[in-house]
């Protein structure tokens, strides 16, 4: 038996495996492609290709970019199946079309650094330093907080409201079928943004009335949402903070993708305000991501970087709610969403 050749083959196969794993790691870590996509998203390149292919010079003139370096970036993204290239003219692939403003599943607002989320993702460059110091990556990168920046910049605030509203459109139909909303008469959507979720619930359940509580900008937009939907007689929005006392005595208080934005102390303070307002007869309903571990862990790191918030899971959420005087009353999961019911001091 030729043990030397056998060992040589084994060593060669092992080395090949190591090389393949190192290559896979590099593909996951390399920033060239994601940053190139973000650059063309910020320049709105896809919108200028909606009517057909164009040259790099034509695109450069349209978006205010130098044609030669732009062409180099576009050529790379041709290899990544974002754009096509034929006879010197760039066009859109199906995947690249999702960078258009009017695409039904557009990801432009999430990626462009002109928007609140795309801009905030830049702070992930400070994640290693943030892990050492305990600061948020966002504060280290921008020398401010996410919420302070939204308060200071109306365009950023508007982009955030729009993105959160669009996300809620995706989730509202699922949430409306996950709980017996028809048994309620009056709810408060705490931190309810532009009113999208509440409008869907009130549209489906005609006996239901509701109020959005959020900061002045989102509350103003929510009133417009209700007016446009013809729900003025059953819906309202009030400006306020969920760290202050909430409108008391309603059947239920909703917290939809609110708590994961906050550290434990802040989330506990929000839950206590909800418990205080709900009293002995009301409920507190919390919607967060659940199910798809890859999605949950990705969002968890983003929450860590932006706010020092976190995805808590059923056990962590229930423990926090118990500190606020709330007892678990039920849990419903569907399509990556978990809706958890709590009552005040009375387990069911």
C-alpha atoms as a PDB file:
ATOM      1  CA  UNK A   1       0.000   0.000   0.000  1.00  0.00           C
ATOM      2  CA  UNK A   2       1.387   3.392  -0.981  1.00  0.00           C
ATOM      3  CA  UNK A   3       0.818   5.215   2.300  1.00  0.00           C
ATOM      4  CA  UNK A   4       2.764   8.258   1.150  1.00  0.00           C
ATOM      5  CA  UNK A   5       0.420   8.820  -1.811  1.00  0.00           C
ATOM      6  CA  UNK A   6      -2.625   8.126   0.338  1.00  0.00           C
ATOM      7  CA  UNK A   7      -1.500  10.647   2.921  1.00  0.00           C
ATOM      8  CA  UNK A   8      -0.713  13.061   0.139  1.00  0.00           C
ATOM      9  CA  UNK A   9      -4.204  12.748  -1.299  1.00  0.00           C
ATOM     10  CA  UNK A  10      -5.733  13.190   2.144  1.00  0.00           C
ATOM     11  CA  UNK A  11      -3.651  16.256   2.823  1.00  0.00           C
ATOM     12  CA  UNK A  12      -4.587  17.666  -0.579  1.00  0.00           C
ATOM     13  CA  UNK A  13      -8.298  17.128   0.020  1.00  0.00           C
ATOM     14  CA  UNK A  14      -8.008  18.713   3.462  1.00  0.00           C
ATOM     15  CA  UNK A  15      -6.193  21.720   2.042  1.00  0.00           C
ATOM     16  CA  UNK A  16      -8.841  22.077  -0.670  1.00  0.00           C
ATOM     17  CA  UNK A  17     -11.574  22.081   1.965  1.00  0.00           C
ATOM     18  CA  UNK A  18      -9.738  24.703   4.018  1.00  0.00           C
ATOM     19  CA  UNK A  19      -9.324  26.868   0.932  1.00  0.00           C
ATOM     20  CA  UNK A  20     -13.026  26.538   0.059  1.00  0.00           C
ATOM     21  CA  UNK A  21     -14.099  27.503   3.578  1.00  0.00           C
ATOM     22  CA  UNK A  22     -11.755  30.500   3.574  1.00  0.00           C
ATOM     23  CA  UNK A  23     -13.193  31.585   0.220  1.00  0.00           C
ATOM     24  CA  UNK A  24     -16.757  31.308   1.538  1.00  0.00           C
ATOM     25  CA  UNK A  25     -15.786  33.425   4.552  1.00  0.00           C
ATOM     26  CA  UNK A  26     -14.258  36.074   2.289  1.00  0.00           C
ATOM     27  CA  UNK A  27     -17.415  36.202   0.173  1.00  0.00           C
ATOM     28  CA  UNK A  28     -19.468  36.836   3.282  1.00  0.00           C
ATOM     29  CA  UNK A  29     -17.098  39.480   4.681  1.00  0.00           C
ATOM     30  CA  UNK A  30     -16.049  41.408   1.571  1.00  0.00           C
ATOM     31  CA  UNK A  31     -17.696  44.849   1.489  1.00  0.00           C
ATOM     32  CA  UNK A  32     -17.145  45.716  -2.172  1.00  0.00           C
ATOM     33  CA  UNK A  33     -20.455  44.389  -3.514  1.00  0.00           C
ATOM     34  CA  UNK A  34     -22.786  45.618  -0.740  1.00  0.00           C
ATOM     35  CA  UNK A  35     -21.186  49.055  -0.732  1.00  0.00           C
ATOM     36  CA  UNK A  36     -21.325  49.232  -4.540  1.00  0.00           C
ATOM     37  CA  UNK A  37     -25.044  48.384  -4.396  1.00  0.00           C
ATOM     38  CA  UNK A  38     -25.566  51.081  -1.764  1.00  0.00           C
ATOM     39  CA  UNK A  39     -23.718  53.599  -3.915  1.00  0.00           C
ATOM     40  CA  UNK A  40     -25.886  53.004  -6.992  1.00  0.00           C
ATOM     41  CA  UNK A  41     -28.985  52.976  -4.780  1.00  0.00           C
ATOM     42  CA  UNK A  42     -28.063  56.358  -3.312  1.00  0.00           C
ATOM     43  CA  UNK A  43     -27.541  57.702  -6.861  1.00  0.00           C
ATOM     44  CA  UNK A  44     -30.940  56.273  -7.918  1.00  0.00           C
ATOM     45  CA  UNK A  45     -29.350  54.529 -10.916  1.00  0.00           C
ATOM     46  CA  UNK A  46     -32.166  51.981 -11.233  1.00  0.00           C
ATOM     47  CA  UNK A  47     -34.804  54.698 -11.591  1.00  0.00           C
ATOM     48  CA  UNK A  48     -32.915  56.032 -14.613  1.00  0.00           C
ATOM     49  CA  UNK A  49     -32.954  52.589 -16.216  1.00  0.00           C
ATOM     50  CA  UNK A  50     -36.692  52.010 -15.799  1.00  0.00           C
ATOM     51  CA  UNK A  51     -37.369  53.092 -19.400  1.00  0.00           C
ATOM     52  CA  UNK A  52     -34.541  51.077 -20.911  1.00  0.00           C
ATOM     53  CA  UNK A  53     -30.750  50.590 -21.048  1.00  0.00           C
ATOM     54  CA  UNK A  54     -28.365  53.541 -21.000  1.00  0.00           C
ATOM     55  CA  UNK A  55     -24.626  54.094 -21.241  1.00  0.00           C
ATOM     56  CA  UNK A  56     -22.496  54.996 -18.257  1.00  0.00           C
ATOM     57  CA  UNK A  57     -22.059  58.485 -19.722  1.00  0.00           C
ATOM     58  CA  UNK A  58     -25.814  58.966 -20.004  1.00  0.00           C
ATOM     59  CA  UNK A  59     -26.302  57.690 -16.467  1.00  0.00           C
ATOM     60  CA  UNK A  60     -23.501  59.860 -15.132  1.00  0.00           C
ATOM     61  CA  UNK A  61     -25.058  62.964 -16.654  1.00  0.00           C
ATOM     62  CA  UNK A  62     -28.462  62.019 -15.243  1.00  0.00           C
ATOM     63  CA  UNK A  63     -27.293  61.459 -11.663  1.00  0.00           C
ATOM     64  CA  UNK A  64     -24.333  63.831 -11.430  1.00  0.00           C
ATOM     65  CA  UNK A  65     -21.574  61.193 -11.369  1.00  0.00           C
ATOM     66  CA  UNK A  66     -18.299  60.796 -13.270  1.00  0.00           C
ATOM     67  CA  UNK A  67     -18.945  58.311 -16.120  1.00  0.00           C
ATOM     68  CA  UNK A  68     -15.656  56.368 -16.013  1.00  0.00           C
ATOM     69  CA  UNK A  69     -15.644  55.359 -12.321  1.00  0.00           C
ATOM     70  CA  UNK A  70     -19.403  54.828 -12.470  1.00  0.00           C
ATOM     71  CA  UNK A  71     -18.944  52.391 -15.337  1.00  0.00           C
ATOM     72  CA  UNK A  72     -16.403  50.411 -13.336  1.00  0.00           C
ATOM     73  CA  UNK A  73     -18.827  50.028 -10.443  1.00  0.00           C
ATOM     74  CA  UNK A  74     -21.658  49.074 -12.789  1.00  0.00           C
ATOM     75  CA  UNK A  75     -19.486  46.470 -14.530  1.00  0.00           C
ATOM     76  CA  UNK A  76     -18.806  44.817 -11.199  1.00  0.00           C
ATOM     77  CA  UNK A  77     -22.517  44.751 -10.438  1.00  0.00           C
ATOM     78  CA  UNK A  78     -23.164  43.155 -13.832  1.00  0.00           C
ATOM     79  CA  UNK A  79     -21.144  40.220 -12.493  1.00  0.00           C
ATOM     80  CA  UNK A  80     -23.319  40.240  -9.385  1.00  0.00           C
ATOM     81  CA  UNK A  81     -26.546  40.009 -11.451  1.00  0.00           C
ATOM     82  CA  UNK A  82     -27.747  43.500 -10.516  1.00  0.00           C
ATOM     83  CA  UNK A  83     -27.353  44.999 -14.002  1.00  0.00           C
ATOM     84  CA  UNK A  84     -27.006  43.744 -17.568  1.00  0.00           C
ATOM     85  CA  UNK A  85     -24.535  45.032 -20.169  1.00  0.00           C
ATOM     86  CA  UNK A  86     -25.018  44.811 -23.904  1.00  0.00           C
ATOM     87  CA  UNK A  87     -23.426  46.977 -26.605  1.00  0.00           C
ATOM     88  CA  UNK A  88     -22.099  49.372 -23.974  1.00  0.00           C
ATOM     89  CA  UNK A  89     -25.507  49.997 -22.421  1.00  0.00           C
ATOM     90  CA  UNK A  90     -26.489  48.973 -18.910  1.00  0.00           C
ATOM     91  CA  UNK A  91     -29.921  47.588 -18.061  1.00  0.00           C
ATOM     92  CA  UNK A  92     -31.727  46.120 -15.052  1.00  0.00           C
ATOM     93  CA  UNK A  93     -32.034  42.490 -14.038  1.00  0.00           C
ATOM     94  CA  UNK A  94     -35.026  41.305 -12.038  1.00  0.00           C
ATOM     95  CA  UNK A  95     -33.008  41.645  -8.845  1.00  0.00           C
ATOM     96  CA  UNK A  96     -31.697  45.070  -9.793  1.00  0.00           C
ATOM     97  CA  UNK A  97     -35.248  46.243 -10.459  1.00  0.00           C
ATOM     98  CA  UNK A  98     -35.893  46.074  -6.707  1.00  0.00           C
ATOM     99  CA  UNK A  99     -33.709  49.200  -6.460  1.00  0.00           C
ATOM    100  CA  UNK A 100     -36.358  51.212  -8.343  1.00  0.00           C
ATOM    101  CA  UNK A 101     -38.472  53.626  -6.336  1.00  0.00           C
ATOM    102  CA  UNK A 102     -41.765  52.286  -7.721  1.00  0.00           C
ATOM    103  CA  UNK A 103     -40.973  48.568  -7.507  1.00  0.00           C
ATOM    104  CA  UNK A 104     -43.742  46.843  -5.492  1.00  0.00           C
ATOM    105  CA  UNK A 105     -41.097  45.325  -3.198  1.00  0.00           C
ATOM    106  CA  UNK A 106     -38.573  48.143  -3.484  1.00  0.00           C
ATOM    107  CA  UNK A 107     -35.544  47.919  -1.217  1.00  0.00           C
ATOM    108  CA  UNK A 108     -34.259  51.337  -2.226  1.00  0.00           C
ATOM    109  CA  UNK A 109     -35.305  53.055   0.986  1.00  0.00           C
ATOM    110  CA  UNK A 110     -33.612  50.391   3.091  1.00  0.00           C
ATOM    111  CA  UNK A 111     -30.310  50.592   1.197  1.00  0.00           C
ATOM    112  CA  UNK A 112     -29.774  54.198   0.084  1.00  0.00           C
ATOM    113  CA  UNK A 113     -27.733  56.229   2.560  1.00  0.00           C
ATOM    114  CA  UNK A 114     -30.162  59.107   2.087  1.00  0.00           C
ATOM    115  CA  UNK A 115     -32.659  57.183   4.204  1.00  0.00           C
ATOM    116  CA  UNK A 116     -32.688  56.551   7.939  1.00  0.00           C
ATOM    117  CA  UNK A 117     -31.916  52.822   7.765  1.00  0.00           C
ATOM    118  CA  UNK A 118     -29.349  52.821   4.941  1.00  0.00           C
ATOM    119  CA  UNK A 119     -27.521  55.697   6.607  1.00  0.00           C
ATOM    120  CA  UNK A 120     -27.599  53.971   9.987  1.00  0.00           C
ATOM    121  CA  UNK A 121     -26.093  50.795   8.561  1.00  0.00           C
ATOM    122  CA  UNK A 122     -22.873  52.735   8.000  1.00  0.00           C
ATOM    123  CA  UNK A 123     -22.427  52.700  11.773  1.00  0.00           C
ATOM    124  CA  UNK A 124     -21.776  48.953  11.631  1.00  0.00           C
ATOM    125  CA  UNK A 125     -18.196  49.944  10.739  1.00  0.00           C
ATOM    126  CA  UNK A 126     -17.858  50.793  14.459  1.00  0.00           C
ATOM    127  CA  UNK A 127     -19.277  47.506  15.723  1.00  0.00           C
ATOM    128  CA  UNK A 128     -15.951  46.096  16.958  1.00  0.00           C
ATOM    129  CA  UNK A 129     -15.175  49.270  18.927  1.00  0.00           C
ATOM    130  CA  UNK A 130     -18.716  49.322  20.296  1.00  0.00           C
ATOM    131  CA  UNK A 131     -18.348  45.750  21.541  1.00  0.00           C
ATOM    132  CA  UNK A 132     -15.254  46.819  23.470  1.00  0.00           C
ATOM    133  CA  UNK A 133     -16.720  49.970  24.995  1.00  0.00           C
ATOM    134  CA  UNK A 134     -20.408  49.114  25.454  1.00  0.00           C
ATOM    135  CA  UNK A 135     -21.463  52.178  23.446  1.00  0.00           C
ATOM    136  CA  UNK A 136     -23.785  51.845  20.498  1.00  0.00           C
ATOM    137  CA  UNK A 137     -22.028  51.675  17.148  1.00  0.00           C
ATOM    138  CA  UNK A 138     -24.390  54.407  15.959  1.00  0.00           C
ATOM    139  CA  UNK A 139     -23.247  56.869  18.617  1.00  0.00           C
ATOM    140  CA  UNK A 140     -19.580  56.121  17.972  1.00  0.00           C
ATOM    141  CA  UNK A 141     -20.008  56.675  14.228  1.00  0.00           C
ATOM    142  CA  UNK A 142     -22.377  59.672  14.156  1.00  0.00           C
ATOM    143  CA  UNK A 143     -21.633  61.231  17.588  1.00  0.00           C
ATOM    144  CA  UNK A 144     -25.365  61.348  18.202  1.00  0.00           C
ATOM    145  CA  UNK A 145     -28.292  58.988  18.747  1.00  0.00           C
ATOM    146  CA  UNK A 146     -30.640  57.592  16.140  1.00  0.00           C
ATOM    147  CA  UNK A 147     -33.670  59.274  17.706  1.00  0.00           C
ATOM    148  CA  UNK A 148     -31.933  62.652  18.119  1.00  0.00           C
ATOM    149  CA  UNK A 149     -30.945  62.579  14.443  1.00  0.00           C
ATOM    150  CA  UNK A 150     -34.520  61.848  13.397  1.00  0.00           C
ATOM    151  CA  UNK A 151     -35.758  64.722  15.544  1.00  0.00           C
ATOM    152  CA  UNK A 152     -33.231  67.080  13.955  1.00  0.00           C
ATOM    153  CA  UNK A 153     -33.744  66.036  10.313  1.00  0.00           C
ATOM    154  CA  UNK A 154     -37.265  65.973   8.905  1.00  0.00           C
ATOM    155  CA  UNK A 155     -36.155  64.101   5.763  1.00  0.00           C
ATOM    156  CA  UNK A 156     -34.621  61.296   7.821  1.00  0.00           C
ATOM    157  CA  UNK A 157     -37.724  61.174  10.004  1.00  0.00           C
ATOM    158  CA  UNK A 158     -39.981  60.993   6.944  1.00  0.00           C
ATOM    159  CA  UNK A 159     -37.937  58.175   5.426  1.00  0.00           C
ATOM    160  CA  UNK A 160     -38.137  56.222   8.691  1.00  0.00           C
ATOM    161  CA  UNK A 161     -41.909  56.690   8.922  1.00  0.00           C
ATOM    162  CA  UNK A 162     -42.294  55.571   5.313  1.00  0.00           C
ATOM    163  CA  UNK A 163     -40.160  52.457   5.784  1.00  0.00           C
ATOM    164  CA  UNK A 164     -41.900  51.449   9.000  1.00  0.00           C
ATOM    165  CA  UNK A 165     -45.296  52.022   7.383  1.00  0.00           C
ATOM    166  CA  UNK A 166     -44.332  49.913   4.363  1.00  0.00           C
ATOM    167  CA  UNK A 167     -43.097  47.131   6.634  1.00  0.00           C
ATOM    168  CA  UNK A 168     -46.348  47.277   8.560  1.00  0.00           C
ATOM    169  CA  UNK A 169     -48.331  46.871   5.343  1.00  0.00           C
ATOM    170  CA  UNK A 170     -46.554  43.524   4.934  1.00  0.00           C
ATOM    171  CA  UNK A 171     -47.339  42.473   8.511  1.00  0.00           C
ATOM    172  CA  UNK A 172     -50.771  43.994   9.165  1.00  0.00           C
ATOM    173  CA  UNK A 173     -52.797  41.308   7.409  1.00  0.00           C
ATOM    174  CA  UNK A 174     -51.009  38.568   9.334  1.00  0.00           C
ATOM    175  CA  UNK A 175     -51.490  40.367  12.641  1.00  0.00           C
ATOM    176  CA  UNK A 176     -55.154  40.983  11.944  1.00  0.00           C
ATOM    177  CA  UNK A 177     -55.710  37.224  11.717  1.00  0.00           C
ATOM    178  CA  UNK A 178     -53.589  36.250  14.721  1.00  0.00           C
ATOM    179  CA  UNK A 179     -55.820  37.533  17.504  1.00  0.00           C
ATOM    180  CA  UNK A 180     -59.510  38.055  18.314  1.00  0.00           C
ATOM    181  CA  UNK A 181     -59.573  41.780  17.624  1.00  0.00           C
ATOM    182  CA  UNK A 182     -63.326  41.636  17.159  1.00  0.00           C
ATOM    183  CA  UNK A 183     -63.747  41.024  20.888  1.00  0.00           C
ATOM    184  CA  UNK A 184     -62.245  44.450  21.652  1.00  0.00           C
ATOM    185  CA  UNK A 185     -63.873  47.861  21.465  1.00  0.00           C
ATOM    186  CA  UNK A 186     -60.988  50.312  21.957  1.00  0.00           C
ATOM    187  CA  UNK A 187     -57.220  49.933  21.509  1.00  0.00           C
ATOM    188  CA  UNK A 188     -54.147  52.151  21.696  1.00  0.00           C
ATOM    189  CA  UNK A 189     -51.361  51.486  19.200  1.00  0.00           C
ATOM    190  CA  UNK A 190     -48.407  52.638  21.300  1.00  0.00           C
ATOM    191  CA  UNK A 191     -45.657  53.978  19.047  1.00  0.00           C
ATOM    192  CA  UNK A 192     -47.992  53.235  16.129  1.00  0.00           C
ATOM    193  CA  UNK A 193     -46.202  55.425  13.591  1.00  0.00           C
ATOM    194  CA  UNK A 194     -48.234  56.487  10.569  1.00  0.00           C
ATOM    195  CA  UNK A 195     -51.317  54.478  11.586  1.00  0.00           C
ATOM    196  CA  UNK A 196     -51.026  51.759   8.941  1.00  0.00           C
ATOM    197  CA  UNK A 197     -51.624  48.833  11.301  1.00  0.00           C
ATOM    198  CA  UNK A 198     -54.513  50.459  13.130  1.00  0.00           C
ATOM    199  CA  UNK A 199     -56.157  51.418   9.837  1.00  0.00           C
ATOM    200  CA  UNK A 200     -56.026  47.774   8.693  1.00  0.00           C
ATOM    201  CA  UNK A 201     -57.485  46.532  11.990  1.00  0.00           C
ATOM    202  CA  UNK A 202     -60.300  49.078  11.986  1.00  0.00           C
ATOM    203  CA  UNK A 203     -61.050  48.327   8.342  1.00  0.00           C
ATOM    204  CA  UNK A 204     -61.472  44.641   9.108  1.00  0.00           C
ATOM    205  CA  UNK A 205     -63.275  44.963  12.459  1.00  0.00           C
ATOM    206  CA  UNK A 206     -66.056  47.593  12.212  1.00  0.00           C
ATOM    207  CA  UNK A 207     -66.858  47.653  15.963  1.00  0.00           C
ATOM    208  CA  UNK A 208     -63.292  48.539  16.878  1.00  0.00           C
ATOM    209  CA  UNK A 209     -62.080  52.032  17.752  1.00  0.00           C
ATOM    210  CA  UNK A 210     -58.451  53.029  18.166  1.00  0.00           C
ATOM    211  CA  UNK A 211     -55.824  55.633  18.923  1.00  0.00           C
ATOM    212  CA  UNK A 212     -52.220  55.924  17.771  1.00  0.00           C
ATOM    213  CA  UNK A 213     -49.845  57.394  20.318  1.00  0.00           C
ATOM    214  CA  UNK A 214     -46.544  58.603  18.897  1.00  0.00           C
ATOM    215  CA  UNK A 215     -44.414  61.704  18.533  1.00  0.00           C
ATOM    216  CA  UNK A 216     -45.888  64.741  16.818  1.00  0.00           C
ATOM    217  CA  UNK A 217     -44.626  63.960  13.300  1.00  0.00           C
ATOM    218  CA  UNK A 218     -45.886  60.366  13.102  1.00  0.00           C
ATOM    219  CA  UNK A 219     -49.114  61.296  14.918  1.00  0.00           C
ATOM    220  CA  UNK A 220     -49.818  63.983  12.321  1.00  0.00           C
ATOM    221  CA  UNK A 221     -49.207  61.472   9.512  1.00  0.00           C
ATOM    222  CA  UNK A 222     -51.469  58.922  11.242  1.00  0.00           C
ATOM    223  CA  UNK A 223     -54.351  61.410  11.279  1.00  0.00           C
ATOM    224  CA  UNK A 224     -53.897  61.821   7.531  1.00  0.00           C
ATOM    225  CA  UNK A 225     -53.901  58.027   7.121  1.00  0.00           C
ATOM    226  CA  UNK A 226     -57.208  57.753   8.983  1.00  0.00           C
ATOM    227  CA  UNK A 227     -58.732  60.647   7.082  1.00  0.00           C
ATOM    228  CA  UNK A 228     -57.735  59.111   3.744  1.00  0.00           C
ATOM    229  CA  UNK A 229     -59.196  55.730   4.808  1.00  0.00           C
ATOM    230  CA  UNK A 230     -62.471  57.303   5.963  1.00  0.00           C
ATOM    231  CA  UNK A 231     -61.861  56.251   9.561  1.00  0.00           C
ATOM    232  CA  UNK A 232     -62.003  59.671  11.246  1.00  0.00           C
ATOM    233  CA  UNK A 233     -65.042  58.666  13.272  1.00  0.00           C
ATOM    234  CA  UNK A 234     -63.296  55.646  14.831  1.00  0.00           C
ATOM    235  CA  UNK A 235     -59.596  56.533  14.849  1.00  0.00           C
ATOM    236  CA  UNK A 236     -57.445  59.301  16.242  1.00  0.00           C
ATOM    237  CA  UNK A 237     -53.781  59.996  16.923  1.00  0.00           C
ATOM    238  CA  UNK A 238     -52.326  61.841  19.886  1.00  0.00           C
ATOM    239  CA  UNK A 239     -48.803  63.205  20.249  1.00  0.00           C
ATOM    240  CA  UNK A 240     -46.896  61.878  23.220  1.00  0.00           C
ATOM    241  CA  UNK A 241     -44.131  59.652  24.517  1.00  0.00           C
ATOM    242  CA  UNK A 242     -44.576  56.066  25.650  1.00  0.00           C
ATOM    243  CA  UNK A 243     -42.327  56.897  28.597  1.00  0.00           C
ATOM    244  CA  UNK A 244     -45.090  59.175  29.920  1.00  0.00           C
ATOM    245  CA  UNK A 245     -48.573  58.153  31.157  1.00  0.00           C
ATOM    246  CA  UNK A 246     -50.723  56.675  28.395  1.00  0.00           C
ATOM    247  CA  UNK A 247     -54.462  57.180  27.750  1.00  0.00           C
ATOM    248  CA  UNK A 248     -55.982  54.930  30.431  1.00  0.00           C
ATOM    249  CA  UNK A 249     -58.747  52.354  30.503  1.00  0.00           C
ATOM    250  CA  UNK A 250     -58.672  50.952  26.950  1.00  0.00           C
ATOM    251  CA  UNK A 251     -59.186  47.278  26.153  1.00  0.00           C
ATOM    252  CA  UNK A 252     -55.690  46.725  24.771  1.00  0.00           C
ATOM    253  CA  UNK A 253     -52.343  48.458  24.312  1.00  0.00           C
ATOM    254  CA  UNK A 254     -50.306  47.348  21.287  1.00  0.00           C
ATOM    255  CA  UNK A 255     -46.528  47.435  21.099  1.00  0.00           C
ATOM    256  CA  UNK A 256     -45.614  46.398  17.567  1.00  0.00           C
ATOM    257  CA  UNK A 257     -41.866  46.271  16.927  1.00  0.00           C
ATOM    258  CA  UNK A 258     -41.291  48.876  19.644  1.00  0.00           C
ATOM    259  CA  UNK A 259     -39.541  47.068  22.487  1.00  0.00           C
ATOM    260  CA  UNK A 260     -36.683  45.686  20.362  1.00  0.00           C
ATOM    261  CA  UNK A 261     -35.555  49.290  19.749  1.00  0.00           C
ATOM    262  CA  UNK A 262     -34.726  49.727  23.443  1.00  0.00           C
ATOM    263  CA  UNK A 263     -32.428  48.374  26.135  1.00  0.00           C
ATOM    264  CA  UNK A 264     -33.958  46.425  29.004  1.00  0.00           C
ATOM    265  CA  UNK A 265     -34.390  49.397  31.354  1.00  0.00           C
ATOM    266  CA  UNK A 266     -36.195  51.455  28.707  1.00  0.00           C
ATOM    267  CA  UNK A 267     -38.305  48.513  27.514  1.00  0.00           C
ATOM    268  CA  UNK A 268     -39.319  47.831  31.102  1.00  0.00           C
ATOM    269  CA  UNK A 269     -40.363  51.473  31.536  1.00  0.00           C
ATOM    270  CA  UNK A 270     -42.548  51.231  28.403  1.00  0.00           C
ATOM    271  CA  UNK A 271     -44.187  48.021  29.611  1.00  0.00           C
ATOM    272  CA  UNK A 272     -44.877  49.581  33.007  1.00  0.00           C
ATOM    273  CA  UNK A 273     -46.644  52.508  31.350  1.00  0.00           C
ATOM    274  CA  UNK A 274     -48.773  50.061  29.357  1.00  0.00           C
ATOM    275  CA  UNK A 275     -49.586  48.000  32.465  1.00  0.00           C
ATOM    276  CA  UNK A 276     -50.469  51.163  34.373  1.00  0.00           C
ATOM    277  CA  UNK A 277     -52.849  52.318  31.622  1.00  0.00           C
ATOM    278  CA  UNK A 278     -54.381  48.863  31.029  1.00  0.00           C
ATOM    279  CA  UNK A 279     -55.289  48.373  34.684  1.00  0.00           C
ATOM    280  CA  UNK A 280     -56.937  45.171  35.899  1.00  0.00           C
ATOM    281  CA  UNK A 281     -59.226  44.730  32.882  1.00  0.00           C
ATOM    282  CA  UNK A 282     -56.997  45.587  29.910  1.00  0.00           C
ATOM    283  CA  UNK A 283     -54.388  43.684  27.920  1.00  0.00           C
ATOM    284  CA  UNK A 284     -50.915  44.462  26.620  1.00  0.00           C
ATOM    285  CA  UNK A 285     -50.134  42.935  23.208  1.00  0.00           C
ATOM    286  CA  UNK A 286     -46.535  42.753  21.980  1.00  0.00           C
ATOM    287  CA  UNK A 287     -45.573  41.904  18.387  1.00  0.00           C
ATOM    288  CA  UNK A 288     -41.955  41.103  17.567  1.00  0.00           C
ATOM    289  CA  UNK A 289     -40.054  38.904  15.122  1.00  0.00           C
ATOM    290  CA  UNK A 290     -39.876  35.189  15.808  1.00  0.00           C
ATOM    291  CA  UNK A 291     -39.356  31.887  14.067  1.00  0.00           C
ATOM    292  CA  UNK A 292     -36.676  32.445  11.401  1.00  0.00           C
ATOM    293  CA  UNK A 293     -33.479  32.394  13.452  1.00  0.00           C
ATOM    294  CA  UNK A 294     -31.384  33.931  10.679  1.00  0.00           C
ATOM    295  CA  UNK A 295     -33.755  36.890  10.355  1.00  0.00           C
ATOM    296  CA  UNK A 296     -33.982  37.310  14.122  1.00  0.00           C
ATOM    297  CA  UNK A 297     -30.215  37.278  14.663  1.00  0.00           C
ATOM    298  CA  UNK A 298     -29.634  39.758  11.827  1.00  0.00           C
ATOM    299  CA  UNK A 299     -32.201  42.174  13.248  1.00  0.00           C
ATOM    300  CA  UNK A 300     -30.756  41.608  16.723  1.00  0.00           C
ATOM    301  CA  UNK A 301     -27.304  42.791  15.626  1.00  0.00           C
ATOM    302  CA  UNK A 302     -28.840  45.810  13.897  1.00  0.00           C
ATOM    303  CA  UNK A 303     -30.783  46.711  17.064  1.00  0.00           C
ATOM    304  CA  UNK A 304     -27.560  46.344  19.066  1.00  0.00           C
ATOM    305  CA  UNK A 305     -25.681  48.643  16.691  1.00  0.00           C
ATOM    306  CA  UNK A 306     -28.361  51.324  16.430  1.00  0.00           C
ATOM    307  CA  UNK A 307     -29.843  51.530  19.928  1.00  0.00           C
ATOM    308  CA  UNK A 308     -28.357  48.871  22.214  1.00  0.00           C
ATOM    309  CA  UNK A 309     -31.779  47.253  21.783  1.00  0.00           C
ATOM    310  CA  UNK A 310     -32.363  43.533  21.329  1.00  0.00           C
ATOM    311  CA  UNK A 311     -34.609  40.728  20.101  1.00  0.00           C
ATOM    312  CA  UNK A 312     -35.709  39.017  23.292  1.00  0.00           C
ATOM    313  CA  UNK A 313     -37.666  35.896  22.404  1.00  0.00           C
ATOM    314  CA  UNK A 314     -40.597  34.565  24.416  1.00  0.00           C
ATOM    315  CA  UNK A 315     -38.626  33.801  27.569  1.00  0.00           C
ATOM    316  CA  UNK A 316     -36.811  37.137  27.711  1.00  0.00           C
ATOM    317  CA  UNK A 317     -39.944  39.109  26.915  1.00  0.00           C
ATOM    318  CA  UNK A 318     -42.011  37.275  29.545  1.00  0.00           C
ATOM    319  CA  UNK A 319     -39.332  37.876  32.198  1.00  0.00           C
ATOM    320  CA  UNK A 320     -39.273  41.591  31.402  1.00  0.00           C
ATOM    321  CA  UNK A 321     -43.084  41.760  31.393  1.00  0.00           C
ATOM    322  CA  UNK A 322     -43.215  40.053  34.787  1.00  0.00           C
ATOM    323  CA  UNK A 323     -41.041  42.844  36.212  1.00  0.00           C
ATOM    324  CA  UNK A 324     -43.665  45.271  34.914  1.00  0.00           C
ATOM    325  CA  UNK A 325     -46.432  43.384  36.727  1.00  0.00           C
ATOM    326  CA  UNK A 326     -47.697  41.585  33.623  1.00  0.00           C
ATOM    327  CA  UNK A 327     -48.588  37.901  33.261  1.00  0.00           C
ATOM    328  CA  UNK A 328     -48.429  35.828  30.097  1.00  0.00           C
ATOM    329  CA  UNK A 329     -51.937  35.137  28.792  1.00  0.00           C
ATOM    330  CA  UNK A 330     -51.303  33.758  25.308  1.00  0.00           C
ATOM    331  CA  UNK A 331     -48.941  33.564  22.364  1.00  0.00           C
ATOM    332  CA  UNK A 332     -49.541  33.340  18.609  1.00  0.00           C
ATOM    333  CA  UNK A 333     -46.979  32.848  15.829  1.00  0.00           C
ATOM    334  CA  UNK A 334     -47.365  33.161  12.065  1.00  0.00           C
ATOM    335  CA  UNK A 335     -44.973  33.878   9.178  1.00  0.00           C
ATOM    336  CA  UNK A 336     -42.079  34.979  11.381  1.00  0.00           C
ATOM    337  CA  UNK A 337     -44.226  37.113  13.691  1.00  0.00           C
ATOM    338  CA  UNK A 338     -44.972  36.395  17.341  1.00  0.00           C
ATOM    339  CA  UNK A 339     -47.862  38.190  19.061  1.00  0.00           C
ATOM    340  CA  UNK A 340     -47.772  37.810  22.835  1.00  0.00           C
ATOM    341  CA  UNK A 341     -50.707  38.628  25.143  1.00  0.00           C
ATOM    342  CA  UNK A 342     -50.187  39.904  28.682  1.00  0.00           C
ATOM    343  CA  UNK A 343     -52.618  40.805  31.442  1.00  0.00           C
ATOM    344  CA  UNK A 344     -51.979  42.821  34.575  1.00  0.00           C
ATOM    345  CA  UNK A 345     -51.241  40.551  37.521  1.00  0.00           C
ATOM    346  CA  UNK A 346     -53.719  37.829  36.584  1.00  0.00           C
ATOM    347  CA  UNK A 347     -52.347  34.759  34.775  1.00  0.00           C
ATOM    348  CA  UNK A 348     -54.861  33.055  32.499  1.00  0.00           C
END
